[in-house]
Protein backbone atom coordinates (compact mmCIF):
# COMPACT_ATOMS: atom_id res chain seq x y z
CA MET A 1 -7.27 -152.36 -9.32
CA ALA A 2 -10.15 -152.64 -11.79
CA THR A 3 -11.92 -149.88 -13.72
CA LEU A 4 -15.48 -149.85 -15.05
CA LYS A 5 -15.75 -147.52 -18.03
CA ALA A 6 -18.67 -146.28 -20.08
CA GLN A 7 -17.45 -144.71 -23.31
CA HIS A 8 -19.48 -142.44 -25.61
CA LEU A 9 -22.87 -143.93 -24.73
CA ALA A 10 -25.82 -142.87 -26.87
CA LYS A 11 -29.48 -143.90 -26.95
CA SER A 12 -32.52 -142.81 -28.93
CA TYR A 13 -36.17 -143.76 -28.64
CA LYS A 14 -37.81 -143.32 -32.03
CA SER A 15 -36.64 -139.86 -33.15
CA ARG A 16 -35.75 -138.56 -29.69
CA GLN A 17 -32.15 -138.86 -28.53
CA VAL A 18 -32.21 -139.27 -24.75
CA VAL A 19 -28.47 -139.86 -24.21
CA ARG A 20 -25.66 -138.45 -26.33
CA ASP A 21 -21.94 -139.13 -25.97
CA VAL A 22 -21.80 -139.84 -22.22
CA SER A 23 -18.54 -141.22 -20.80
CA LEU A 24 -17.69 -141.98 -17.18
CA SER A 25 -15.49 -144.29 -15.13
CA ILE A 26 -15.42 -145.93 -11.70
CA ASP A 27 -12.29 -147.38 -10.11
CA SER A 28 -12.09 -150.10 -7.47
CA GLY A 29 -12.95 -148.63 -4.07
CA GLN A 30 -14.34 -145.40 -5.54
CA ILE A 31 -17.81 -143.98 -4.85
CA VAL A 32 -19.27 -142.20 -7.88
CA GLY A 33 -22.61 -140.45 -8.30
CA LEU A 34 -24.67 -140.12 -11.49
CA LEU A 35 -27.12 -137.25 -11.02
CA GLY A 36 -29.39 -134.94 -12.96
CA PRO A 37 -32.91 -133.55 -13.27
CA ASN A 38 -35.88 -135.82 -13.97
CA GLY A 39 -35.92 -136.83 -17.62
CA ALA A 40 -32.29 -135.79 -18.10
CA GLY A 41 -31.15 -139.25 -19.26
CA LYS A 42 -29.26 -140.36 -16.14
CA THR A 43 -31.46 -143.42 -15.56
CA THR A 44 -31.02 -144.51 -19.18
CA CYS A 45 -27.23 -144.11 -18.79
CA PHE A 46 -27.33 -146.18 -15.61
CA TYR A 47 -29.42 -148.90 -17.26
CA MET A 48 -27.07 -149.05 -20.27
CA ILE A 49 -24.13 -149.70 -17.93
CA VAL A 50 -25.94 -152.43 -15.97
CA GLY A 51 -27.34 -154.06 -19.12
CA LEU A 52 -31.06 -153.34 -18.73
CA VAL A 53 -31.00 -151.11 -21.83
CA GLN A 54 -28.90 -151.75 -24.93
CA ALA A 55 -26.87 -148.73 -26.05
CA ASP A 56 -27.19 -147.58 -29.67
CA GLN A 57 -23.57 -146.43 -29.59
CA GLY A 58 -20.66 -146.62 -27.20
CA ARG A 59 -19.04 -149.29 -25.07
CA VAL A 60 -19.04 -150.59 -21.51
CA LEU A 61 -15.75 -152.10 -20.35
CA ILE A 62 -14.35 -153.71 -17.23
CA ASP A 63 -10.66 -153.01 -17.71
CA ASP A 64 -10.12 -154.32 -21.25
CA LEU A 65 -13.12 -156.66 -21.27
CA ASP A 66 -15.89 -155.29 -23.51
CA VAL A 67 -19.27 -156.25 -22.01
CA SER A 68 -21.32 -153.91 -24.22
CA HIS A 69 -23.22 -156.76 -25.89
CA GLN A 70 -23.49 -158.95 -22.81
CA PRO A 71 -26.91 -159.37 -21.21
CA MET A 72 -27.34 -158.39 -17.60
CA HIS A 73 -26.41 -161.82 -16.22
CA GLY A 74 -23.27 -161.85 -18.39
CA ARG A 75 -22.21 -158.51 -16.96
CA ALA A 76 -22.91 -159.86 -13.47
CA ARG A 77 -20.51 -162.75 -14.13
CA ALA A 78 -17.93 -160.23 -15.35
CA GLY A 79 -18.17 -158.32 -12.07
CA ILE A 80 -21.06 -155.82 -12.23
CA GLY A 81 -23.47 -156.14 -9.30
CA TYR A 82 -26.81 -154.32 -9.38
CA LEU A 83 -29.26 -153.29 -6.69
CA PRO A 84 -32.58 -152.07 -8.14
CA GLN A 85 -34.74 -149.45 -6.48
CA GLU A 86 -37.68 -151.84 -6.18
CA ALA A 87 -37.71 -154.54 -3.51
CA SER A 88 -35.78 -157.46 -5.00
CA ILE A 89 -35.81 -160.01 -2.20
CA PHE A 90 -38.03 -163.09 -2.24
CA ARG A 91 -40.84 -162.18 0.15
CA LYS A 92 -41.65 -165.74 1.18
CA LEU A 93 -38.07 -166.89 1.76
CA SER A 94 -36.06 -166.34 4.91
CA VAL A 95 -33.14 -163.91 4.95
CA ALA A 96 -30.66 -166.81 4.90
CA ASP A 97 -32.45 -168.53 2.02
CA ASN A 98 -32.59 -165.25 0.08
CA ILE A 99 -28.80 -165.02 0.19
CA MET A 100 -28.29 -168.72 -0.41
CA ALA A 101 -30.44 -168.53 -3.55
CA ILE A 102 -27.82 -166.20 -5.05
CA LEU A 103 -24.87 -168.21 -3.74
CA GLU A 104 -26.28 -171.27 -5.52
CA THR A 105 -25.36 -169.57 -8.81
CA ARG A 106 -21.66 -169.52 -7.82
CA LYS A 107 -20.54 -172.71 -9.58
CA GLU A 108 -17.00 -172.37 -8.23
CA LEU A 109 -18.27 -172.85 -4.67
CA ASP A 110 -19.10 -176.27 -3.23
CA LYS A 111 -21.78 -176.73 -0.56
CA ALA A 112 -19.37 -176.02 2.29
CA GLY A 113 -18.05 -172.95 0.48
CA ARG A 114 -21.56 -171.59 -0.02
CA ARG A 115 -22.40 -172.17 3.64
CA LYS A 116 -19.21 -170.40 4.74
CA GLU A 117 -19.94 -167.44 2.46
CA LEU A 118 -23.52 -167.24 3.78
CA GLU A 119 -22.37 -167.08 7.39
CA SER A 120 -19.78 -164.46 6.47
CA LEU A 121 -22.37 -162.22 4.75
CA LEU A 122 -24.86 -162.58 7.61
CA GLN A 123 -22.20 -161.41 10.05
CA GLU A 124 -20.74 -158.73 7.79
CA PHE A 125 -24.09 -156.98 7.31
CA HIS A 126 -25.31 -157.53 10.89
CA ILE A 127 -28.34 -159.56 9.82
CA ASN A 128 -27.55 -162.86 11.52
CA HIS A 129 -30.21 -162.14 14.18
CA ILE A 130 -32.92 -161.98 11.47
CA ARG A 131 -31.60 -164.90 9.39
CA ASP A 132 -34.85 -166.87 9.83
CA ASN A 133 -37.21 -163.93 9.26
CA LEU A 134 -39.21 -163.90 6.03
CA GLY A 135 -38.51 -161.22 3.46
CA MET A 136 -42.03 -159.82 3.78
CA SER A 137 -41.48 -159.08 7.50
CA LEU A 138 -38.40 -156.86 7.13
CA SER A 139 -38.23 -153.11 7.71
CA GLY A 140 -36.97 -150.87 4.90
CA GLY A 141 -33.48 -150.67 6.40
CA GLU A 142 -33.29 -154.42 7.05
CA ARG A 143 -34.45 -155.15 3.51
CA ARG A 144 -31.76 -152.90 2.06
CA ARG A 145 -29.08 -154.69 4.11
CA VAL A 146 -30.28 -158.08 2.88
CA GLU A 147 -30.43 -156.85 -0.71
CA ILE A 148 -26.87 -155.52 -0.55
CA ALA A 149 -25.69 -158.79 1.02
CA ARG A 150 -27.39 -160.63 -1.86
CA ALA A 151 -25.68 -158.36 -4.38
CA LEU A 152 -22.33 -159.14 -2.77
CA ALA A 153 -23.05 -162.86 -2.89
CA THR A 154 -22.00 -162.77 -6.56
CA ALA A 155 -18.55 -161.38 -5.53
CA PRO A 156 -18.79 -158.27 -7.76
CA LYS A 157 -15.96 -155.87 -8.55
CA PHE A 158 -18.49 -153.05 -8.87
CA ILE A 159 -21.97 -152.49 -7.50
CA LEU A 160 -24.53 -150.17 -9.09
CA LEU A 161 -27.09 -148.78 -6.63
CA ASP A 162 -30.36 -147.45 -8.08
CA GLU A 163 -32.01 -145.02 -5.63
CA PRO A 164 -30.50 -146.61 -2.49
CA PHE A 165 -31.86 -143.80 -0.28
CA ALA A 166 -35.44 -144.04 -1.56
CA GLY A 167 -38.18 -145.13 0.81
CA VAL A 168 -36.03 -145.40 3.93
CA ASP A 169 -36.14 -143.32 7.12
CA PRO A 170 -33.34 -140.89 8.13
CA ILE A 171 -31.73 -143.41 10.49
CA SER A 172 -31.62 -145.97 7.68
CA VAL A 173 -30.06 -143.39 5.33
CA GLY A 174 -27.11 -143.15 7.73
CA ASP A 175 -27.01 -146.93 7.90
CA ILE A 176 -26.87 -147.21 4.11
CA LYS A 177 -24.07 -144.62 3.96
CA GLN A 178 -22.06 -146.74 6.39
CA ILE A 179 -22.62 -149.80 4.20
CA ILE A 180 -21.48 -147.89 1.10
CA HIS A 181 -18.29 -146.84 2.91
CA HIS A 182 -17.85 -150.49 3.89
CA LEU A 183 -18.10 -151.52 0.21
CA LYS A 184 -15.45 -148.92 -0.62
CA ALA A 185 -13.18 -150.30 2.11
CA LYS A 186 -13.55 -153.77 0.56
CA GLY A 187 -12.23 -152.35 -2.73
CA ILE A 188 -15.60 -152.44 -4.51
CA GLY A 189 -16.38 -149.58 -6.88
CA VAL A 190 -19.82 -148.05 -6.27
CA LEU A 191 -21.99 -146.14 -8.75
CA ILE A 192 -25.05 -144.44 -7.25
CA THR A 193 -27.97 -142.77 -8.98
CA ASP A 194 -30.53 -141.20 -6.67
CA HIS A 195 -33.00 -138.32 -6.52
CA ASN A 196 -31.66 -137.51 -3.06
CA VAL A 197 -28.98 -135.11 -4.26
CA ARG A 198 -27.79 -134.05 -0.82
CA GLU A 199 -27.12 -137.57 0.47
CA THR A 200 -25.54 -138.69 -2.80
CA LEU A 201 -23.20 -135.72 -3.14
CA ASP A 202 -22.29 -136.06 0.53
CA ILE A 203 -20.98 -139.59 0.07
CA CYS A 204 -19.50 -139.45 -3.45
CA GLU A 205 -15.89 -138.70 -4.27
CA THR A 206 -16.85 -137.84 -7.84
CA ALA A 207 -20.21 -137.00 -9.38
CA TYR A 208 -21.30 -136.80 -13.00
CA ILE A 209 -24.21 -134.46 -13.78
CA VAL A 210 -26.38 -135.24 -16.80
CA ASN A 211 -28.79 -132.75 -18.35
CA ASP A 212 -30.66 -133.04 -21.63
CA GLY A 213 -28.92 -136.34 -22.35
CA GLN A 214 -25.35 -135.14 -22.01
CA LEU A 215 -22.74 -134.60 -19.33
CA ILE A 216 -22.57 -131.00 -18.17
CA ALA A 217 -20.23 -131.38 -15.19
CA GLU A 218 -18.04 -133.81 -13.28
CA GLY A 219 -15.95 -133.54 -10.16
CA ASP A 220 -16.12 -133.61 -6.39
CA ALA A 221 -19.01 -132.05 -4.46
CA GLU A 222 -17.27 -128.68 -4.14
CA THR A 223 -16.69 -128.51 -7.89
CA ILE A 224 -20.28 -129.50 -8.65
CA LEU A 225 -21.75 -126.98 -6.20
CA ALA A 226 -19.67 -124.18 -7.71
CA ASN A 227 -20.72 -124.94 -11.30
CA GLU A 228 -23.03 -122.20 -12.59
CA LEU A 229 -24.71 -124.38 -15.21
CA VAL A 230 -25.47 -127.07 -12.61
CA LYS A 231 -27.00 -124.39 -10.37
CA GLU A 232 -29.07 -123.08 -13.25
CA VAL A 233 -30.55 -126.34 -14.52
CA TYR A 234 -30.47 -128.61 -11.48
CA LEU A 235 -29.54 -127.47 -7.97
CA GLY A 236 -30.69 -123.87 -7.88
CA HIS A 237 -28.64 -121.06 -6.37
CA GLU A 238 -29.64 -121.67 -2.74
CA PHE A 239 -28.59 -125.33 -2.52
CA ARG A 240 -26.11 -126.17 0.26
CA LEU A 241 -24.74 -129.45 1.55
């Protein structure tokens, strides 16, 4: 089992400290949420873990491997997959070619190995029937499936999902939840940040709540919902799952 750890992360922009002393961890096969009000610092925390933002202080580790100073592609090689909120597929490539473009970066795979992995991913994510469709022609739910298949093409130990429920219809939300449970079953650790609090809390085993740049609560959904400070600054007193 592997563990992704963020330890004592801090970040300032000019004189304003936006993240202070945030620590969290994700184990293999665990679904974790990172939540908080707009401007609370959760997105900056998320970006520091994935490597889009360099932390001023603190460390990011996969087990005992310190990847704090690795660029994003270095962290990807170490096992951190990332799915951005924005559409990340190549619009003018087919679904199959979109996935193959990522598999081409796997130097340990020969041509036959890449082809086998492609066919496996197309079947696993139920997108074989649209393998020849161009990226620009996909629905929101189809695009998300292809993007997650692409993220898995790097064989990550962990996958970080930025707003996975954004811009998709209610049926697709259920579809994405099923995929996240599938990732868990494969032993992949999942970190989710999303403005859709209800869907995120519903699927997470553990959630971390950030407010004003620091952690104010962590625990399962029941623990989070019972926390008076979380109610006061984030969920309100009427929120129910």
